[in-house]
């Protein structure tokens, strides 16, 4: 499963480069973003508190309607969230393919390289690829999907993007000890990117 999803993600990145010229002719924004993810695995039970560790994400995006005031932007990201148990039992990592569908609100820009600020808001769908605890692959510790609300903003100048975003998970993600604790996953991310057209 992990290898199939990883191959599909790599093919999607290659396809993005291949179609960027055609997309530019049609006015469709295409680009790449990656950066640091600061997760927050929240629960109200003290025995299941976590020391969150910096993760990462990388992915491609389409749309945004840079020439207009508002547009829709879709992303396909590979995302890692990780943390360590405060009890000292060990650390865990959860890898997702994340698909946000975002409304993007833009300030006016006079050219493709001009400064532009923007805001984003919309739902995000996370599909679990794999998880591990102390380096061992897990099977039924975490749910296969997560759903959340994402919002943030950024700047786009000379085709370079700097963005900050917050994602608030709305579903319980733990399968194990689910009758004792409800764990939800929230995260803050700082991303750098490039717009191809």
Protein backbone atom coordinates (compact mmCIF):
# COMPACT_ATOMS: atom_id res chain seq x y z
CA UNK A 1 0.00 0.00 0.00
CA UNK A 2 2.74 2.45 1.03
CA UNK A 3 4.77 1.79 -2.12
CA UNK A 4 1.74 2.11 -4.42
CA UNK A 5 0.75 5.47 -2.94
CA UNK A 6 4.33 6.74 -3.02
CA UNK A 7 4.65 5.79 -6.71
CA UNK A 8 1.32 7.46 -7.49
CA UNK A 9 2.46 10.64 -5.73
CA UNK A 10 5.75 10.75 -7.66
CA UNK A 11 3.87 10.24 -10.95
CA UNK A 12 1.53 13.09 -10.03
CA UNK A 13 4.51 15.41 -9.45
CA UNK A 14 6.02 14.43 -12.83
CA UNK A 15 2.66 14.98 -14.52
CA UNK A 16 2.48 18.45 -12.97
CA UNK A 17 5.72 19.47 -14.64
CA UNK A 18 4.55 17.97 -17.93
CA UNK A 19 1.24 19.85 -18.01
CA UNK A 20 2.43 23.19 -16.61
CA UNK A 21 3.05 24.69 -20.08
CA UNK A 22 -0.40 23.73 -21.30
CA UNK A 23 -1.97 24.96 -18.07
CA UNK A 24 -0.23 28.32 -18.42
CA UNK A 25 -1.85 28.79 -21.83
CA UNK A 26 -5.26 28.16 -20.28
CA UNK A 27 -4.68 30.43 -17.25
CA UNK A 28 -4.66 27.58 -14.73
CA UNK A 29 -2.18 28.07 -11.88
CA UNK A 30 0.13 25.13 -11.20
CA UNK A 31 2.88 24.90 -8.62
CA UNK A 32 4.74 23.08 -5.87
CA UNK A 33 4.80 23.73 -2.11
CA UNK A 34 6.65 22.07 0.74
CA UNK A 35 7.68 22.81 4.29
CA UNK A 36 7.37 22.14 7.98
CA UNK A 37 4.35 20.76 9.81
CA UNK A 38 3.87 21.33 13.54
CA UNK A 39 1.24 18.79 14.65
CA UNK A 40 -0.93 18.85 17.74
CA UNK A 41 -2.42 15.50 18.75
CA UNK A 42 -5.03 16.66 21.24
CA UNK A 43 -6.69 14.60 23.94
CA UNK A 44 -8.12 15.43 27.35
CA UNK A 45 -6.60 12.42 29.15
CA UNK A 46 -3.25 13.10 30.80
CA UNK A 47 -1.95 9.55 30.30
CA UNK A 48 -2.23 10.04 26.52
CA UNK A 49 -0.47 13.40 26.24
CA UNK A 50 2.14 13.81 23.50
CA UNK A 51 5.30 15.77 22.84
CA UNK A 52 4.67 16.84 19.27
CA UNK A 53 7.57 16.72 16.82
CA UNK A 54 8.09 18.69 13.64
CA UNK A 55 6.92 16.85 10.53
CA UNK A 56 6.91 17.85 6.89
CA UNK A 57 4.82 17.98 3.76
CA UNK A 58 5.36 18.39 0.02
CA UNK A 59 2.92 18.54 -2.83
CA UNK A 60 1.44 20.09 -5.94
CA UNK A 61 -1.42 22.52 -6.39
CA UNK A 62 -3.74 23.58 -9.19
CA UNK A 63 -5.99 26.61 -9.66
CA UNK A 64 -6.17 29.68 -7.42
CA UNK A 65 -7.25 32.13 -10.19
CA UNK A 66 -4.38 34.55 -9.58
CA UNK A 67 -5.86 36.99 -12.12
CA UNK A 68 -9.17 37.25 -10.25
CA UNK A 69 -10.38 38.14 -6.78
CA UNK A 70 -11.47 34.59 -5.92
CA UNK A 71 -10.68 31.10 -7.15
CA UNK A 72 -10.64 27.44 -6.17
CA UNK A 73 -7.33 25.71 -5.44
CA UNK A 74 -6.87 21.94 -5.14
CA UNK A 75 -3.74 20.35 -3.68
CA UNK A 76 -2.26 16.86 -3.49
CA UNK A 77 0.23 16.66 -0.61
CA UNK A 78 2.30 13.97 1.05
CA UNK A 79 2.20 14.74 4.76
CA UNK A 80 3.97 13.36 7.84
CA UNK A 81 2.81 14.02 11.39
CA UNK A 82 4.83 12.69 14.32
CA UNK A 83 4.97 12.85 18.09
CA UNK A 84 6.41 11.16 21.16
CA UNK A 85 4.44 9.90 24.14
CA UNK A 86 5.08 11.83 27.35
CA UNK A 87 5.11 8.54 29.23
CA UNK A 88 8.36 7.66 27.44
CA UNK A 89 6.97 4.63 25.63
CA UNK A 90 8.27 5.88 22.29
CA UNK A 91 7.48 7.91 19.21
CA UNK A 92 5.08 7.42 16.34
CA UNK A 93 4.71 8.70 12.79
CA UNK A 94 1.61 8.87 10.61
CA UNK A 95 1.91 9.48 6.85
CA UNK A 96 -0.99 10.82 4.80
CA UNK A 97 -1.91 11.83 1.29
CA UNK A 98 -3.74 15.09 1.91
CA UNK A 99 -6.23 16.66 -0.52
CA UNK A 100 -7.40 20.17 0.46
CA UNK A 101 -10.07 21.90 -1.65
CA UNK A 102 -9.66 25.58 -0.89
CA UNK A 103 -11.34 28.88 -1.68
CA UNK A 104 -8.54 31.35 -2.43
CA UNK A 105 -9.14 35.12 -2.08
CA UNK A 106 -6.55 37.27 -3.89
CA UNK A 107 -5.45 40.88 -3.80
CA UNK A 108 -5.06 42.45 -7.28
CA UNK A 109 -1.83 41.70 -9.16
CA UNK A 110 -0.76 43.64 -12.27
CA UNK A 111 1.50 40.97 -13.72
CA UNK A 112 2.48 37.32 -13.26
CA UNK A 113 5.51 38.35 -11.17
CA UNK A 114 3.86 41.15 -9.17
CA UNK A 115 3.32 40.94 -5.41
CA UNK A 116 0.06 39.33 -4.36
CA UNK A 117 -1.34 38.43 -0.96
CA UNK A 118 -4.03 35.78 -0.56
CA UNK A 119 -6.11 33.93 1.98
CA UNK A 120 -7.35 30.34 1.86
CA UNK A 121 -10.14 28.42 3.56
CA UNK A 122 -11.80 25.08 2.93
CA UNK A 123 -12.05 21.39 3.79
CA UNK A 124 -9.10 19.01 3.86
CA UNK A 125 -9.23 15.23 3.39
CA UNK A 126 -6.36 13.10 4.75
CA UNK A 127 -5.91 9.49 3.62
CA UNK A 128 -3.53 7.44 5.76
CA UNK A 129 -0.69 5.75 3.87
CA UNK A 130 1.16 4.22 6.82
CA UNK A 131 1.86 4.59 10.52
CA UNK A 132 4.59 3.32 12.78
CA UNK A 133 5.49 3.17 16.46
CA UNK A 134 9.16 2.99 17.44
CA UNK A 135 10.00 2.07 13.85
CA UNK A 136 7.47 -0.79 13.67
CA UNK A 137 4.60 -0.64 11.19
CA UNK A 138 1.18 -0.47 12.79
CA UNK A 139 -2.05 -1.87 11.40
CA UNK A 140 -5.10 -0.71 13.32
CA UNK A 141 -3.87 2.07 15.59
CA UNK A 142 -5.17 4.99 13.51
CA UNK A 143 -8.20 5.54 11.29
CA UNK A 144 -7.66 5.40 7.54
CA UNK A 145 -9.10 8.86 6.91
CA UNK A 146 -9.27 12.22 8.62
CA UNK A 147 -11.32 15.29 7.77
CA UNK A 148 -10.63 18.86 8.80
CA UNK A 149 -11.03 22.56 8.15
CA UNK A 150 -8.04 24.46 6.82
CA UNK A 151 -7.41 28.20 6.71
CA UNK A 152 -4.41 30.46 6.25
CA UNK A 153 -2.73 32.95 3.97
CA UNK A 154 0.38 33.76 2.05
CA UNK A 155 2.21 35.92 -0.42
CA UNK A 156 3.15 35.25 -4.04
CA UNK A 157 5.87 37.37 -5.64
CA UNK A 158 8.14 36.62 -8.61
CA UNK A 159 6.56 33.13 -8.66
CA UNK A 160 7.83 32.41 -5.12
CA UNK A 161 5.24 31.50 -2.47
CA UNK A 162 5.45 31.82 1.31
CA UNK A 163 2.42 30.50 3.17
CA UNK A 164 1.21 29.74 6.70
CA UNK A 165 -1.83 27.56 7.37
CA UNK A 166 -3.71 25.89 10.20
CA UNK A 167 -5.66 22.65 9.85
CA UNK A 168 -8.14 21.60 12.52
CA UNK A 169 -9.05 17.93 12.48
CA UNK A 170 -12.73 17.21 13.12
CA UNK A 171 -12.64 13.40 13.42
CA UNK A 172 -11.31 11.02 16.04
CA UNK A 173 -8.24 9.40 14.50
CA UNK A 174 -7.35 6.69 17.04
CA UNK A 175 -8.73 3.17 16.78
CA UNK A 176 -6.93 1.69 19.79
CA UNK A 177 -8.25 2.65 23.27
CA UNK A 178 -10.96 4.66 21.44
CA UNK A 179 -13.40 4.00 24.28
CA UNK A 180 -10.99 5.67 26.74
CA UNK A 181 -9.70 8.65 24.79
CA UNK A 182 -10.57 10.66 21.70
CA UNK A 183 -7.52 11.87 19.81
CA UNK A 184 -7.84 14.55 17.15
CA UNK A 185 -5.09 15.83 14.92
CA UNK A 186 -4.52 19.55 14.35
CA UNK A 187 -1.51 21.13 12.68
CA UNK A 188 0.19 24.39 11.75
CA UNK A 189 2.39 24.51 8.66
CA UNK A 190 4.90 26.94 7.17
CA UNK A 191 5.36 26.35 3.45
CA UNK A 192 7.64 27.59 0.68
CA UNK A 193 6.75 27.06 -2.94
CA UNK A 194 7.06 28.01 -6.55
CA UNK A 195 4.43 28.81 -9.16
CA UNK A 196 5.29 27.36 -12.58
CA UNK A 197 3.13 29.77 -14.60
